[in-house]
N, C-alpha and C. Protein backbone atom coordinates (compact mmCIF):
# COMPACT_ATOMS: atom_id res chain seq x y z
N UNK A 1 0.84 -1.20 0.00
CA UNK A 1 0.00 0.00 0.00
C UNK A 1 0.87 1.25 0.00
N UNK A 2 0.29 2.35 -0.51
CA UNK A 2 0.98 3.62 -0.51
C UNK A 2 1.10 4.16 0.91
N UNK A 3 2.27 4.76 1.22
CA UNK A 3 2.48 5.28 2.56
C UNK A 3 1.58 6.48 2.84
N UNK A 4 1.20 6.60 4.12
CA UNK A 4 0.31 7.71 4.50
C UNK A 4 1.01 9.06 4.35
N UNK A 5 2.32 9.09 4.56
CA UNK A 5 3.05 10.35 4.42
C UNK A 5 3.04 10.83 2.97
N UNK A 6 3.18 9.89 2.05
CA UNK A 6 3.13 10.22 0.62
C UNK A 6 1.74 10.71 0.22
N UNK A 7 0.71 10.01 0.74
CA UNK A 7 -0.66 10.40 0.43
C UNK A 7 -0.98 11.78 1.02
N UNK A 8 -0.49 12.03 2.24
CA UNK A 8 -0.72 13.33 2.87
C UNK A 8 -0.04 14.45 2.08
N UNK A 9 1.15 14.17 1.57
CA UNK A 9 1.84 15.17 0.75
C UNK A 9 1.08 15.47 -0.52
N UNK A 10 0.50 14.44 -1.12
CA UNK A 10 -0.29 14.65 -2.34
C UNK A 10 -1.55 15.46 -2.05
N UNK A 11 -2.24 15.13 -0.97
CA UNK A 11 -3.46 15.86 -0.60
C UNK A 11 -3.14 17.33 -0.37
N UNK A 12 -2.02 17.62 0.27
CA UNK A 12 -1.62 19.01 0.51
C UNK A 12 -1.36 19.72 -0.81
N UNK A 13 -0.64 19.07 -1.72
CA UNK A 13 -0.35 19.68 -3.01
C UNK A 13 -1.62 19.94 -3.81
N UNK A 14 -2.53 18.97 -3.81
CA UNK A 14 -3.78 19.12 -4.54
C UNK A 14 -4.62 20.25 -3.95
N UNK A 15 -4.68 20.32 -2.62
CA UNK A 15 -5.46 21.37 -1.96
C UNK A 15 -4.94 22.75 -2.34
N UNK A 16 -3.61 22.89 -2.42
CA UNK A 16 -3.03 24.18 -2.80
C UNK A 16 -3.35 24.52 -4.24
N UNK A 17 -3.22 23.54 -5.13
CA UNK A 17 -3.49 23.78 -6.55
C UNK A 17 -4.95 24.15 -6.79
N UNK A 18 -5.86 23.44 -6.12
CA UNK A 18 -7.28 23.67 -6.35
C UNK A 18 -7.77 24.93 -5.67
N UNK A 19 -7.08 25.35 -4.61
CA UNK A 19 -7.50 26.56 -3.88
C UNK A 19 -7.39 27.81 -4.75
N UNK A 20 -6.55 27.77 -5.76
CA UNK A 20 -6.39 28.91 -6.67
C UNK A 20 -7.40 28.76 -7.81
N UNK A 21 -8.40 29.64 -7.91
CA UNK A 21 -9.41 29.52 -8.98
C UNK A 21 -8.78 29.58 -10.36
N UNK A 22 -9.20 28.68 -11.21
CA UNK A 22 -8.69 28.64 -12.58
C UNK A 22 -9.82 28.62 -13.59
N UNK A 23 -9.52 28.23 -14.84
CA UNK A 23 -10.54 28.21 -15.89
C UNK A 23 -11.76 27.36 -15.55
N UNK A 24 -11.54 26.24 -14.85
CA UNK A 24 -12.66 25.37 -14.48
C UNK A 24 -13.64 26.11 -13.57
N UNK A 25 -13.11 26.83 -12.59
CA UNK A 25 -13.96 27.60 -11.68
C UNK A 25 -14.70 28.69 -12.43
N UNK A 26 -14.00 29.39 -13.31
CA UNK A 26 -14.65 30.45 -14.08
C UNK A 26 -15.79 29.89 -14.94
N UNK A 27 -15.57 28.72 -15.50
CA UNK A 27 -16.61 28.09 -16.33
C UNK A 27 -17.83 27.74 -15.49
N UNK A 28 -17.60 27.13 -14.34
CA UNK A 28 -18.71 26.75 -13.46
C UNK A 28 -19.45 27.99 -12.95
N UNK A 29 -18.70 29.01 -12.56
CA UNK A 29 -19.32 30.24 -12.06
C UNK A 29 -20.15 30.91 -13.14
N UNK A 30 -19.64 30.95 -14.35
CA UNK A 30 -20.39 31.60 -15.44
C UNK A 30 -21.69 30.86 -15.71
N UNK A 31 -21.67 29.54 -15.59
CA UNK A 31 -22.90 28.77 -15.79
C UNK A 31 -23.86 28.95 -14.62
N UNK A 32 -23.30 29.03 -13.43
CA UNK A 32 -24.15 29.21 -12.25
C UNK A 32 -24.87 30.55 -12.27
N UNK A 33 -24.15 31.60 -12.64
CA UNK A 33 -24.76 32.94 -12.69
C UNK A 33 -25.82 33.00 -13.79
N UNK A 34 -25.53 32.37 -14.91
CA UNK A 34 -26.45 32.45 -16.05
C UNK A 34 -27.65 31.52 -15.90
N UNK A 35 -27.43 30.31 -15.33
CA UNK A 35 -28.48 29.30 -15.35
C UNK A 35 -28.94 28.83 -13.97
N UNK A 36 -28.25 29.19 -12.91
CA UNK A 36 -28.70 28.83 -11.58
C UNK A 36 -27.87 27.76 -10.91
N UNK A 37 -28.23 27.46 -9.65
CA UNK A 37 -27.45 26.55 -8.84
C UNK A 37 -27.45 25.11 -9.36
N UNK A 38 -28.61 24.63 -9.77
CA UNK A 38 -28.65 23.24 -10.26
C UNK A 38 -27.78 23.08 -11.50
N UNK A 39 -27.82 24.08 -12.38
CA UNK A 39 -26.99 24.02 -13.58
C UNK A 39 -25.51 24.08 -13.21
N UNK A 40 -25.17 24.88 -12.20
CA UNK A 40 -23.78 24.97 -11.75
C UNK A 40 -23.30 23.63 -11.20
N UNK A 41 -24.15 22.97 -10.40
CA UNK A 41 -23.78 21.66 -9.86
C UNK A 41 -23.63 20.63 -10.97
N UNK A 42 -24.54 20.67 -11.94
CA UNK A 42 -24.44 19.73 -13.07
C UNK A 42 -23.18 19.99 -13.87
N UNK A 43 -22.83 21.26 -14.04
CA UNK A 43 -21.61 21.60 -14.75
C UNK A 43 -20.39 21.06 -14.01
N UNK A 44 -20.38 21.23 -12.68
CA UNK A 44 -19.26 20.74 -11.87
C UNK A 44 -19.16 19.22 -11.95
N UNK A 45 -20.29 18.53 -11.83
CA UNK A 45 -20.29 17.07 -11.91
C UNK A 45 -19.81 16.61 -13.28
N UNK A 46 -20.31 17.26 -14.34
CA UNK A 46 -19.89 16.90 -15.69
C UNK A 46 -18.41 17.14 -15.90
N UNK A 47 -17.93 18.27 -15.41
CA UNK A 47 -16.52 18.61 -15.57
C UNK A 47 -15.62 17.59 -14.85
N UNK A 48 -16.01 17.24 -13.64
CA UNK A 48 -15.20 16.27 -12.89
C UNK A 48 -15.32 14.86 -13.47
N UNK A 49 -16.45 14.55 -14.09
CA UNK A 49 -16.56 13.27 -14.80
C UNK A 49 -15.56 13.23 -15.95
N UNK A 50 -15.41 14.37 -16.63
CA UNK A 50 -14.41 14.46 -17.69
C UNK A 50 -13.00 14.31 -17.14
N UNK A 51 -12.74 14.92 -15.98
CA UNK A 51 -11.43 14.78 -15.35
C UNK A 51 -11.16 13.33 -14.94
N UNK A 52 -12.22 12.63 -14.50
CA UNK A 52 -12.06 11.23 -14.11
C UNK A 52 -11.65 10.38 -15.32
N UNK A 53 -12.24 10.68 -16.47
CA UNK A 53 -11.83 9.99 -17.70
C UNK A 53 -10.36 10.26 -17.99
N UNK A 54 -9.94 11.52 -17.78
CA UNK A 54 -8.54 11.86 -17.99
C UNK A 54 -7.63 11.08 -17.05
N UNK A 55 -8.06 10.93 -15.81
CA UNK A 55 -7.27 10.15 -14.85
C UNK A 55 -7.10 8.71 -15.35
N UNK A 56 -8.17 8.13 -15.85
CA UNK A 56 -8.10 6.76 -16.39
C UNK A 56 -7.13 6.69 -17.56
N UNK A 57 -7.17 7.71 -18.42
CA UNK A 57 -6.27 7.73 -19.57
C UNK A 57 -4.82 7.86 -19.14
N UNK A 58 -4.57 8.72 -18.16
CA UNK A 58 -3.21 8.88 -17.65
C UNK A 58 -2.71 7.59 -17.01
N UNK A 59 -3.58 6.94 -16.25
CA UNK A 59 -3.20 5.70 -15.57
C UNK A 59 -2.80 4.61 -16.57
N UNK A 60 -3.40 4.68 -17.77
CA UNK A 60 -3.11 3.66 -18.77
C UNK A 60 -2.17 4.17 -19.87
N UNK A 61 -1.50 5.30 -19.57
CA UNK A 61 -0.38 5.71 -20.43
C UNK A 61 -0.63 6.78 -21.45
N UNK A 62 -1.87 7.29 -21.62
CA UNK A 62 -2.10 8.29 -22.65
C UNK A 62 -1.43 9.63 -22.32
N UNK A 63 -1.24 9.89 -21.04
CA UNK A 63 -0.60 11.15 -20.66
C UNK A 63 0.78 11.28 -21.28
N UNK A 64 1.54 10.18 -21.30
CA UNK A 64 2.87 10.21 -21.91
C UNK A 64 2.78 10.40 -23.41
N UNK A 65 1.79 9.76 -24.03
CA UNK A 65 1.60 9.92 -25.47
C UNK A 65 1.28 11.37 -25.80
N UNK A 66 0.40 11.96 -25.02
CA UNK A 66 0.01 13.35 -25.24
C UNK A 66 1.19 14.30 -25.05
N UNK A 67 2.02 14.00 -24.07
CA UNK A 67 3.18 14.85 -23.79
C UNK A 67 4.18 14.82 -24.94
N UNK A 68 4.27 13.69 -25.62
CA UNK A 68 5.26 13.55 -26.69
C UNK A 68 4.71 13.92 -28.06
N UNK A 69 3.40 13.92 -28.23
CA UNK A 69 2.81 14.17 -29.54
C UNK A 69 2.16 15.56 -29.59
N UNK A 70 2.77 16.46 -30.33
CA UNK A 70 2.23 17.81 -30.48
C UNK A 70 0.92 17.77 -31.27
N UNK A 71 0.80 16.83 -32.22
CA UNK A 71 -0.40 16.74 -33.04
C UNK A 71 -1.62 16.37 -32.19
N UNK A 72 -1.50 15.32 -31.37
CA UNK A 72 -2.62 14.88 -30.54
C UNK A 72 -2.98 15.97 -29.53
N UNK A 73 -1.96 16.59 -28.94
CA UNK A 73 -2.20 17.67 -28.00
C UNK A 73 -2.98 18.80 -28.67
N UNK A 74 -2.56 19.18 -29.88
CA UNK A 74 -3.20 20.30 -30.58
C UNK A 74 -4.63 19.98 -30.96
N UNK A 75 -4.89 18.74 -31.39
CA UNK A 75 -6.25 18.35 -31.75
C UNK A 75 -7.19 18.46 -30.56
N UNK A 76 -6.77 17.88 -29.43
CA UNK A 76 -7.60 17.95 -28.23
C UNK A 76 -7.78 19.39 -27.77
N UNK A 77 -6.71 20.16 -27.83
CA UNK A 77 -6.75 21.54 -27.38
C UNK A 77 -7.75 22.35 -28.19
N UNK A 78 -7.69 22.24 -29.51
CA UNK A 78 -8.57 23.04 -30.35
C UNK A 78 -10.02 22.56 -30.28
N UNK A 79 -10.23 21.26 -30.10
CA UNK A 79 -11.60 20.77 -29.92
C UNK A 79 -12.21 21.36 -28.65
N UNK A 80 -11.45 21.33 -27.57
CA UNK A 80 -11.95 21.91 -26.32
C UNK A 80 -12.16 23.41 -26.44
N UNK A 81 -11.25 24.10 -27.10
CA UNK A 81 -11.36 25.55 -27.27
C UNK A 81 -12.58 25.93 -28.11
N UNK A 82 -12.79 25.20 -29.19
CA UNK A 82 -13.93 25.49 -30.06
C UNK A 82 -15.25 25.26 -29.33
N UNK A 83 -15.30 24.21 -28.52
CA UNK A 83 -16.54 23.94 -27.80
C UNK A 83 -16.82 25.01 -26.76
N UNK A 84 -15.79 25.48 -26.08
CA UNK A 84 -15.97 26.57 -25.12
C UNK A 84 -16.44 27.84 -25.82
N UNK A 85 -15.85 28.14 -26.96
CA UNK A 85 -16.26 29.33 -27.71
C UNK A 85 -17.71 29.19 -28.18
N UNK A 86 -18.07 27.99 -28.62
CA UNK A 86 -19.46 27.75 -29.03
C UNK A 86 -20.43 27.98 -27.88
N UNK A 87 -20.09 27.45 -26.69
CA UNK A 87 -20.96 27.66 -25.53
C UNK A 87 -21.05 29.14 -25.17
N UNK A 88 -19.93 29.85 -25.28
CA UNK A 88 -19.93 31.27 -24.98
C UNK A 88 -20.79 32.06 -25.93
N UNK A 89 -20.71 31.75 -27.20
CA UNK A 89 -21.54 32.44 -28.20
C UNK A 89 -23.01 32.16 -27.95
N UNK A 90 -23.33 30.90 -27.62
CA UNK A 90 -24.72 30.56 -27.32
C UNK A 90 -25.23 31.33 -26.10
N UNK A 91 -24.38 31.46 -25.08
CA UNK A 91 -24.77 32.20 -23.88
C UNK A 91 -24.97 33.68 -24.20
N UNK A 92 -24.13 34.23 -25.04
CA UNK A 92 -24.26 35.64 -25.43
C UNK A 92 -25.55 35.88 -26.21
N UNK A 93 -25.83 34.98 -27.13
CA UNK A 93 -27.04 35.13 -27.96
C UNK A 93 -28.31 34.97 -27.13
N UNK A 94 -28.24 34.17 -26.07
CA UNK A 94 -29.43 33.93 -25.26
C UNK A 94 -29.53 34.80 -24.02
N UNK A 95 -28.66 35.82 -23.92
CA UNK A 95 -28.62 36.63 -22.70
C UNK A 95 -29.93 37.37 -22.45
N UNK A 96 -30.63 37.80 -23.50
CA UNK A 96 -31.85 38.58 -23.32
C UNK A 96 -33.03 37.72 -22.89
N UNK A 97 -32.90 36.41 -23.07
CA UNK A 97 -33.99 35.51 -22.66
C UNK A 97 -33.82 35.01 -21.24
N UNK A 98 -32.69 35.32 -20.59
CA UNK A 98 -32.45 34.84 -19.24
C UNK A 98 -33.49 35.32 -18.23
N UNK A 99 -33.89 36.60 -18.23
CA UNK A 99 -34.87 37.04 -17.24
C UNK A 99 -36.16 36.23 -17.25
N UNK A 100 -36.59 35.79 -18.42
CA UNK A 100 -37.82 35.02 -18.51
C UNK A 100 -37.66 33.57 -18.12
N UNK A 101 -36.39 33.13 -17.90
CA UNK A 101 -36.15 31.73 -17.57
C UNK A 101 -35.79 31.53 -16.11
N UNK A 102 -35.80 32.60 -15.32
CA UNK A 102 -35.40 32.47 -13.92
C UNK A 102 -36.29 31.50 -13.18
N UNK A 103 -37.58 31.58 -13.37
CA UNK A 103 -38.52 30.70 -12.67
C UNK A 103 -39.13 29.66 -13.59
N UNK A 104 -38.46 29.38 -14.69
CA UNK A 104 -38.98 28.43 -15.67
C UNK A 104 -38.69 27.01 -15.19
N UNK A 105 -39.73 26.27 -14.82
CA UNK A 105 -39.53 24.90 -14.33
C UNK A 105 -39.05 23.96 -15.43
N UNK A 106 -39.27 24.32 -16.69
CA UNK A 106 -38.79 23.46 -17.78
C UNK A 106 -37.28 23.47 -17.87
N UNK A 107 -36.62 24.38 -17.14
CA UNK A 107 -35.16 24.45 -17.16
C UNK A 107 -34.53 23.15 -16.68
N UNK A 108 -35.24 22.40 -15.81
CA UNK A 108 -34.70 21.15 -15.30
C UNK A 108 -34.48 20.14 -16.43
N UNK A 109 -35.27 20.27 -17.50
CA UNK A 109 -35.10 19.36 -18.62
C UNK A 109 -33.80 19.62 -19.37
N UNK A 110 -33.23 20.79 -19.17
CA UNK A 110 -32.00 21.13 -19.87
C UNK A 110 -30.76 20.73 -19.07
N UNK A 111 -30.94 20.23 -17.86
CA UNK A 111 -29.80 19.92 -17.01
C UNK A 111 -28.94 18.79 -17.60
N UNK A 112 -29.57 17.89 -18.32
CA UNK A 112 -28.79 16.84 -18.98
C UNK A 112 -27.83 17.41 -19.99
N UNK A 113 -28.28 18.41 -20.71
CA UNK A 113 -27.41 19.06 -21.69
C UNK A 113 -26.29 19.83 -20.99
N UNK A 114 -26.62 20.47 -19.86
CA UNK A 114 -25.61 21.19 -19.09
C UNK A 114 -24.55 20.22 -18.57
N UNK A 115 -24.99 19.06 -18.09
CA UNK A 115 -24.08 18.02 -17.62
C UNK A 115 -23.15 17.57 -18.75
N UNK A 116 -23.74 17.39 -19.93
CA UNK A 116 -22.94 16.98 -21.09
C UNK A 116 -21.91 18.05 -21.46
N UNK A 117 -22.33 19.31 -21.42
CA UNK A 117 -21.41 20.40 -21.74
C UNK A 117 -20.21 20.40 -20.80
N UNK A 118 -20.49 20.24 -19.50
CA UNK A 118 -19.41 20.20 -18.52
C UNK A 118 -18.47 19.04 -18.77
N UNK A 119 -19.04 17.89 -19.13
CA UNK A 119 -18.21 16.71 -19.40
C UNK A 119 -17.31 16.93 -20.60
N UNK A 120 -17.88 17.46 -21.68
CA UNK A 120 -17.10 17.68 -22.91
C UNK A 120 -15.95 18.65 -22.65
N UNK A 121 -16.25 19.73 -21.93
CA UNK A 121 -15.20 20.72 -21.62
C UNK A 121 -14.12 20.09 -20.75
N UNK A 122 -14.52 19.29 -19.76
CA UNK A 122 -13.55 18.68 -18.87
C UNK A 122 -12.68 17.64 -19.55
N UNK A 123 -13.27 16.78 -20.37
CA UNK A 123 -12.52 15.68 -20.96
C UNK A 123 -11.68 16.13 -22.14
N UNK A 124 -12.04 17.26 -22.77
CA UNK A 124 -11.32 17.70 -23.97
C UNK A 124 -10.23 18.71 -23.67
N UNK A 125 -10.00 19.02 -22.39
CA UNK A 125 -8.95 19.97 -22.03
C UNK A 125 -7.63 19.20 -21.84
N UNK A 126 -6.69 19.33 -22.77
CA UNK A 126 -5.46 18.54 -22.67
C UNK A 126 -4.56 18.99 -21.52
N UNK A 127 -4.78 20.22 -21.03
CA UNK A 127 -3.95 20.69 -19.92
C UNK A 127 -4.13 19.80 -18.68
N UNK A 128 -5.37 19.32 -18.48
CA UNK A 128 -5.62 18.43 -17.36
C UNK A 128 -4.82 17.14 -17.48
N UNK A 129 -4.79 16.59 -18.70
CA UNK A 129 -4.03 15.36 -18.91
C UNK A 129 -2.55 15.57 -18.62
N UNK A 130 -2.02 16.71 -19.05
CA UNK A 130 -0.62 16.98 -18.81
C UNK A 130 -0.33 17.21 -17.33
N UNK A 131 -1.26 17.90 -16.65
CA UNK A 131 -1.08 18.13 -15.21
C UNK A 131 -1.11 16.81 -14.46
N UNK A 132 -2.11 15.99 -14.79
CA UNK A 132 -2.18 14.68 -14.13
C UNK A 132 -0.93 13.86 -14.45
N UNK A 133 -0.49 13.94 -15.72
CA UNK A 133 0.68 13.17 -16.11
C UNK A 133 1.95 13.64 -15.44
N UNK A 134 2.00 14.94 -15.04
CA UNK A 134 3.20 15.48 -14.41
C UNK A 134 3.16 15.37 -12.89
N UNK A 135 1.97 15.55 -12.30
CA UNK A 135 1.86 15.62 -10.84
C UNK A 135 1.68 14.23 -10.22
N UNK A 136 0.76 13.46 -10.74
CA UNK A 136 0.44 12.17 -10.11
C UNK A 136 1.66 11.24 -9.99
N UNK A 137 2.46 11.09 -11.05
CA UNK A 137 3.58 10.14 -10.93
C UNK A 137 4.59 10.51 -9.85
N UNK A 138 4.68 11.79 -9.49
CA UNK A 138 5.64 12.20 -8.47
C UNK A 138 5.32 11.60 -7.10
N UNK A 139 4.06 11.24 -6.89
CA UNK A 139 3.64 10.72 -5.59
C UNK A 139 3.43 9.21 -5.59
N UNK A 140 3.77 8.58 -6.70
CA UNK A 140 3.62 7.13 -6.81
C UNK A 140 4.84 6.45 -6.22
N UNK A 141 4.62 5.44 -5.41
CA UNK A 141 5.71 4.64 -4.83
C UNK A 141 5.90 3.39 -5.70
N UNK A 142 6.98 3.35 -6.47
CA UNK A 142 7.18 2.21 -7.37
C UNK A 142 7.40 0.89 -6.63
N UNK A 143 7.70 0.97 -5.34
CA UNK A 143 7.95 -0.25 -4.56
C UNK A 143 6.73 -0.71 -3.78
N UNK A 144 5.62 0.03 -3.91
CA UNK A 144 4.40 -0.33 -3.18
C UNK A 144 3.46 -1.10 -4.09
N UNK A 145 2.20 -0.73 -4.05
CA UNK A 145 1.18 -1.46 -4.83
C UNK A 145 1.35 -1.20 -6.32
N UNK A 146 0.48 -1.79 -7.10
CA UNK A 146 0.49 -1.60 -8.54
C UNK A 146 0.44 -0.11 -8.87
N UNK A 147 1.31 0.32 -9.79
CA UNK A 147 1.41 1.74 -10.13
C UNK A 147 0.09 2.29 -10.66
N UNK A 148 -0.57 1.53 -11.50
CA UNK A 148 -1.85 1.99 -12.06
C UNK A 148 -2.89 2.19 -10.97
N UNK A 149 -2.90 1.29 -9.99
CA UNK A 149 -3.85 1.43 -8.88
C UNK A 149 -3.55 2.70 -8.10
N UNK A 150 -2.28 2.99 -7.87
CA UNK A 150 -1.91 4.21 -7.15
C UNK A 150 -2.32 5.45 -7.94
N UNK A 151 -2.10 5.43 -9.24
CA UNK A 151 -2.48 6.57 -10.08
C UNK A 151 -3.99 6.80 -10.03
N UNK A 152 -4.74 5.71 -10.07
CA UNK A 152 -6.20 5.83 -10.01
C UNK A 152 -6.65 6.38 -8.67
N UNK A 153 -6.04 5.91 -7.59
CA UNK A 153 -6.39 6.39 -6.26
C UNK A 153 -6.08 7.88 -6.11
N UNK A 154 -4.88 8.28 -6.52
CA UNK A 154 -4.50 9.69 -6.43
C UNK A 154 -5.39 10.55 -7.31
N UNK A 155 -5.71 10.05 -8.49
CA UNK A 155 -6.59 10.80 -9.39
C UNK A 155 -7.98 10.97 -8.81
N UNK A 156 -8.48 9.93 -8.14
CA UNK A 156 -9.80 10.00 -7.52
C UNK A 156 -9.81 11.04 -6.40
N UNK A 157 -8.74 11.11 -5.63
CA UNK A 157 -8.63 12.12 -4.57
C UNK A 157 -8.66 13.52 -5.19
N UNK A 158 -7.92 13.70 -6.27
CA UNK A 158 -7.86 14.99 -6.94
C UNK A 158 -9.23 15.40 -7.48
N UNK A 159 -9.91 14.46 -8.13
CA UNK A 159 -11.23 14.74 -8.69
C UNK A 159 -12.23 15.08 -7.58
N UNK A 160 -12.13 14.39 -6.46
CA UNK A 160 -13.03 14.67 -5.33
C UNK A 160 -12.83 16.08 -4.81
N UNK A 161 -11.59 16.49 -4.63
CA UNK A 161 -11.30 17.85 -4.19
C UNK A 161 -11.82 18.87 -5.20
N UNK A 162 -11.61 18.59 -6.47
CA UNK A 162 -12.06 19.52 -7.51
C UNK A 162 -13.58 19.64 -7.53
N UNK A 163 -14.26 18.52 -7.30
CA UNK A 163 -15.72 18.55 -7.28
C UNK A 163 -16.24 19.40 -6.13
N UNK A 164 -15.64 19.24 -4.96
CA UNK A 164 -16.06 20.04 -3.80
C UNK A 164 -15.83 21.52 -4.06
N UNK A 165 -14.66 21.84 -4.61
CA UNK A 165 -14.33 23.24 -4.89
C UNK A 165 -15.26 23.84 -5.93
N UNK A 166 -15.41 23.15 -7.08
CA UNK A 166 -16.24 23.67 -8.16
C UNK A 166 -17.70 23.79 -7.73
N UNK A 167 -18.19 22.79 -6.99
CA UNK A 167 -19.59 22.82 -6.54
C UNK A 167 -19.82 24.00 -5.59
N UNK A 168 -18.85 24.27 -4.72
CA UNK A 168 -18.99 25.39 -3.80
C UNK A 168 -19.05 26.71 -4.55
N UNK A 169 -18.12 26.90 -5.48
CA UNK A 169 -18.14 28.12 -6.29
C UNK A 169 -19.44 28.23 -7.09
N UNK A 170 -19.89 27.11 -7.63
CA UNK A 170 -21.12 27.13 -8.42
C UNK A 170 -22.34 27.49 -7.60
N UNK A 171 -22.42 26.96 -6.38
CA UNK A 171 -23.55 27.28 -5.50
C UNK A 171 -23.55 28.76 -5.13
N UNK A 172 -22.37 29.30 -4.85
CA UNK A 172 -22.27 30.73 -4.55
C UNK A 172 -22.72 31.57 -5.73
N UNK A 173 -22.27 31.18 -6.92
CA UNK A 173 -22.65 31.93 -8.12
C UNK A 173 -24.15 31.80 -8.39
N UNK A 174 -24.68 30.57 -8.22
CA UNK A 174 -26.10 30.37 -8.44
C UNK A 174 -26.95 31.14 -7.44
N UNK A 175 -26.47 31.27 -6.21
CA UNK A 175 -27.20 32.05 -5.21
C UNK A 175 -27.21 33.53 -5.57
N UNK A 176 -26.11 34.01 -6.12
CA UNK A 176 -26.04 35.41 -6.55
C UNK A 176 -27.02 35.69 -7.67
N UNK A 177 -27.39 34.65 -8.40
CA UNK A 177 -28.32 34.84 -9.51
C UNK A 177 -29.68 35.31 -9.00
N UNK A 178 -30.06 34.89 -7.78
CA UNK A 178 -31.33 35.35 -7.22
C UNK A 178 -31.37 36.86 -7.07
N UNK A 179 -30.24 37.44 -6.66
CA UNK A 179 -30.16 38.89 -6.55
C UNK A 179 -30.18 39.54 -7.93
N UNK A 180 -29.50 38.90 -8.87
CA UNK A 180 -29.46 39.44 -10.22
C UNK A 180 -30.84 39.40 -10.87
N UNK A 181 -31.67 38.42 -10.47
CA UNK A 181 -32.99 38.28 -11.06
C UNK A 181 -33.89 39.47 -10.74
N UNK A 182 -33.53 40.27 -9.73
CA UNK A 182 -34.33 41.44 -9.39
C UNK A 182 -34.29 42.50 -10.46
N UNK A 183 -33.34 42.43 -11.36
CA UNK A 183 -33.23 43.40 -12.44
C UNK A 183 -33.00 42.66 -13.75
N UNK A 184 -34.01 42.59 -14.63
CA UNK A 184 -33.83 41.90 -15.90
C UNK A 184 -32.64 42.42 -16.70
N UNK A 185 -32.43 43.73 -16.66
CA UNK A 185 -31.30 44.31 -17.39
C UNK A 185 -29.98 43.82 -16.81
N UNK A 186 -29.90 43.75 -15.48
CA UNK A 186 -28.70 43.29 -14.81
C UNK A 186 -28.43 41.82 -15.12
N UNK A 187 -29.49 41.01 -15.10
CA UNK A 187 -29.35 39.58 -15.39
C UNK A 187 -28.92 39.37 -16.83
N UNK A 188 -29.49 40.16 -17.74
CA UNK A 188 -29.11 40.06 -19.14
C UNK A 188 -27.64 40.41 -19.33
N UNK A 189 -27.20 41.44 -18.60
CA UNK A 189 -25.81 41.87 -18.72
C UNK A 189 -24.86 40.80 -18.21
N UNK A 190 -25.20 40.19 -17.06
CA UNK A 190 -24.33 39.18 -16.49
C UNK A 190 -24.33 37.91 -17.33
N UNK A 191 -25.45 37.63 -17.98
CA UNK A 191 -25.50 36.48 -18.89
C UNK A 191 -24.58 36.68 -20.08
N UNK A 192 -24.58 37.91 -20.61
CA UNK A 192 -23.67 38.22 -21.71
C UNK A 192 -22.22 38.15 -21.27
N UNK A 193 -21.96 38.61 -20.04
CA UNK A 193 -20.61 38.57 -19.51
C UNK A 193 -20.12 37.13 -19.35
N UNK A 194 -21.02 36.25 -18.87
CA UNK A 194 -20.63 34.84 -18.72
C UNK A 194 -20.29 34.24 -20.07
N UNK A 195 -21.03 34.63 -21.10
CA UNK A 195 -20.73 34.16 -22.44
C UNK A 195 -19.37 34.64 -22.91
N UNK A 196 -19.07 35.92 -22.61
CA UNK A 196 -17.77 36.48 -22.99
C UNK A 196 -16.65 35.77 -22.25
N UNK A 197 -16.89 35.40 -20.98
CA UNK A 197 -15.88 34.69 -20.20
C UNK A 197 -15.58 33.34 -20.85
N UNK A 198 -16.60 32.63 -21.27
CA UNK A 198 -16.40 31.32 -21.88
C UNK A 198 -15.65 31.45 -23.21
N UNK A 199 -15.99 32.48 -23.99
CA UNK A 199 -15.26 32.72 -25.24
C UNK A 199 -13.80 33.01 -24.93
N UNK A 200 -13.57 33.83 -23.91
CA UNK A 200 -12.20 34.14 -23.51
C UNK A 200 -11.43 32.91 -23.07
N UNK A 201 -12.10 32.02 -22.32
CA UNK A 201 -11.45 30.78 -21.90
C UNK A 201 -11.09 29.91 -23.10
N UNK A 202 -12.00 29.88 -24.09
CA UNK A 202 -11.73 29.10 -25.30
C UNK A 202 -10.55 29.66 -26.07
N UNK A 203 -10.49 30.97 -26.21
CA UNK A 203 -9.38 31.61 -26.92
C UNK A 203 -8.07 31.37 -26.17
N UNK A 204 -8.14 31.49 -24.84
CA UNK A 204 -6.93 31.25 -24.04
C UNK A 204 -6.44 29.83 -24.21
N UNK A 205 -7.36 28.87 -24.20
CA UNK A 205 -6.96 27.47 -24.38
C UNK A 205 -6.37 27.24 -25.76
N UNK A 206 -6.97 27.87 -26.78
CA UNK A 206 -6.51 27.68 -28.16
C UNK A 206 -5.06 28.16 -28.35
N UNK A 207 -4.70 29.23 -27.65
CA UNK A 207 -3.36 29.80 -27.83
C UNK A 207 -2.38 29.39 -26.73
N UNK A 208 -2.79 28.46 -25.89
CA UNK A 208 -1.90 28.01 -24.82
C UNK A 208 -0.97 26.93 -25.33
N UNK A 209 0.20 26.86 -24.70
CA UNK A 209 1.16 25.83 -25.07
C UNK A 209 1.10 24.68 -24.10
N UNK A 210 2.11 23.82 -24.17
CA UNK A 210 2.15 22.66 -23.30
C UNK A 210 2.91 22.90 -22.01
N UNK A 211 3.64 24.00 -21.91
CA UNK A 211 4.46 24.26 -20.72
C UNK A 211 3.61 24.76 -19.58
């Protein structure tokens, strides 16, 4: 089994990394403000489901392939970037309809799509694969249990921390939406802003490197 000191060191490192809000948090917050708390939670769950898939891929060696292949990295990067930009444009175009959807009970039917969006964004971000590929192996004990089992365990810990963090940010953002709902103009503005944030995240991902 992996030593408790090694596991504690990994938990500390993960907590520090996740404590700093990044693109994932911005994505969840933008969805929470625009669509509400349930949508924010679905986005967080979908995103972490995508990260879990990445952990599985890293555990079975794709992280090394991605690190060595600029072509595969670029394909995944641009797919994720284009999807983020698409979601941002959709949010911008639908910003004026947000005030009428605040109390729309049919919104629950769209949560499946929100969950899917979060998953696609999470699984198609190659930066996560590279981070997992760089961070997780540092805490693996080659003399302990099976390396793949250790990678999966560490990845599950990381995904759990990320889910708690993203869900918390999403709930806060979704709660703020109630205040924004008091002014249709304000809600429309924040919906457009969330769309712009997603477009910005997509552009940033598209022009980011592997370092």
